[in-house]
Amino acid sequence: MEIGRVIGNVWATKKDEGISGQKLLVINVMKGLGQEKESLMVAADVIGAGIGDMVLVVRGTPARLVVGDGGTPVDLAVVAIIDSLDIPKPAVYE
């Protein structure tokens, strides 16, 4: 699983039948503490996340299983909305 932030929505009138009816969100996936990747990802959302939400996403087969029967043409899916995130600062060793 990876942590990301929802930054937008995707609307597509013509699409594969497998993703018909799926809510699609634009996600910035974090690469490090508080740092987001420069590339954007599109995720299927079965949870009901919205713009600004911090979310957990899965890729590949787990994403396909979350949204359907494993044959759905999806590579990223939102599986949770994060209420809070507590990451202690690393200890400095001398």
Protein backbone atom coordinates (compact mmCIF):
# COMPACT_ATOMS: atom_id res chain seq x y z
CA MET A 1 0.00 0.00 0.00
CA GLU A 2 1.06 3.56 -0.60
CA ILE A 3 -0.04 6.93 0.79
CA GLY A 4 -1.31 9.63 -1.54
CA ARG A 5 -3.48 12.71 -1.72
CA VAL A 6 -6.51 13.19 -3.95
CA ILE A 7 -5.98 16.28 -6.11
CA GLY A 8 -8.70 15.96 -8.74
CA ASN A 9 -11.32 13.96 -10.62
CA VAL A 10 -11.28 12.28 -14.03
CA TRP A 11 -14.35 12.15 -16.27
CA ALA A 12 -14.33 9.98 -19.39
CA THR A 13 -17.44 9.45 -21.49
CA LYS A 14 -15.83 6.78 -23.67
CA LYS A 15 -14.09 4.04 -21.72
CA ASP A 16 -13.72 0.28 -21.33
CA GLU A 17 -16.88 -1.43 -20.07
CA GLY A 18 -14.91 -2.77 -17.09
CA ILE A 19 -14.51 0.70 -15.61
CA SER A 20 -17.94 1.98 -16.54
CA GLY A 21 -19.51 3.41 -13.39
CA GLN A 22 -16.19 3.67 -11.55
CA LYS A 23 -15.30 6.95 -9.84
CA LEU A 24 -11.82 7.94 -11.02
CA LEU A 25 -9.56 10.23 -9.00
CA VAL A 26 -6.23 11.93 -9.70
CA ILE A 27 -3.76 10.96 -6.94
CA ASN A 28 -0.35 12.36 -5.98
CA VAL A 29 1.45 9.39 -4.40
CA MET A 30 4.00 10.21 -1.68
CA LYS A 31 7.61 9.16 -2.23
CA GLY A 32 8.84 10.21 1.21
CA LEU A 33 7.73 11.96 4.34
CA GLY A 34 5.53 14.81 3.12
CA GLN A 35 6.99 14.64 -0.40
CA GLU A 36 4.74 13.79 -3.32
CA LYS A 37 5.90 12.29 -6.60
CA GLU A 38 6.02 14.54 -9.63
CA SER A 39 3.91 12.21 -11.76
CA LEU A 40 0.16 11.88 -11.29
CA MET A 41 -1.78 8.60 -11.07
CA VAL A 42 -5.44 7.82 -11.72
CA ALA A 43 -7.14 5.54 -9.19
CA ALA A 44 -10.52 3.86 -9.08
CA ASP A 45 -12.34 4.84 -5.88
CA VAL A 46 -14.76 2.48 -4.14
CA ILE A 47 -14.43 4.21 -0.75
CA GLY A 48 -15.84 7.68 -1.49
CA ALA A 49 -12.72 9.83 -1.15
CA GLY A 50 -12.75 13.48 -2.16
CA ILE A 51 -10.34 16.19 -3.22
CA GLY A 52 -7.83 16.94 -0.46
CA ASP A 53 -8.24 13.56 1.26
CA MET A 54 -5.13 11.60 2.18
CA VAL A 55 -5.68 8.00 1.07
CA LEU A 56 -4.18 4.52 0.97
CA VAL A 57 -3.88 3.06 -2.52
CA VAL A 58 -2.96 -0.37 -3.87
CA ARG A 59 -1.55 -1.27 -7.29
CA GLY A 60 -1.86 -4.16 -9.70
CA THR A 61 -3.86 -7.29 -8.91
CA PRO A 62 -5.00 -6.05 -5.45
CA ALA A 63 -6.45 -2.95 -7.17
CA ARG A 64 -8.30 -5.08 -9.72
CA LEU A 65 -9.70 -7.31 -6.96
CA VAL A 66 -10.93 -4.32 -4.93
CA VAL A 67 -12.99 -2.91 -7.81
CA GLY A 68 -14.16 -6.12 -9.46
CA ASP A 69 -13.48 -9.72 -10.22
CA GLY A 70 -9.77 -9.39 -10.98
CA GLY A 71 -10.32 -8.76 -14.67
CA THR A 72 -11.16 -5.07 -14.34
CA PRO A 73 -8.67 -2.88 -16.28
CA VAL A 74 -7.49 -0.92 -13.22
CA ASP A 75 -3.93 -0.53 -11.94
CA LEU A 76 -4.52 1.71 -8.88
CA ALA A 77 -7.38 1.75 -6.37
CA VAL A 78 -8.20 3.76 -3.25
CA VAL A 79 -8.77 1.36 -0.35
CA ALA A 80 -8.93 3.74 2.65
CA ILE A 81 -9.25 7.39 3.64
CA ILE A 82 -6.63 8.31 6.23
CA ASP A 83 -8.06 10.11 9.27
CA SER A 84 -4.67 10.82 10.82
CA LEU A 85 -1.06 9.90 10.25
CA ASP A 86 1.42 9.70 13.12
CA ILE A 87 5.04 9.30 12.07
CA PRO A 88 7.54 9.95 14.88
CA LYS A 89 10.65 11.88 13.93
CA PRO A 90 13.64 9.54 13.66
CA ALA A 91 16.03 9.60 16.61
CA VAL A 92 19.38 11.23 15.96
CA TYR A 93 22.24 8.99 16.97
CA GLU A 94 25.58 10.49 17.89
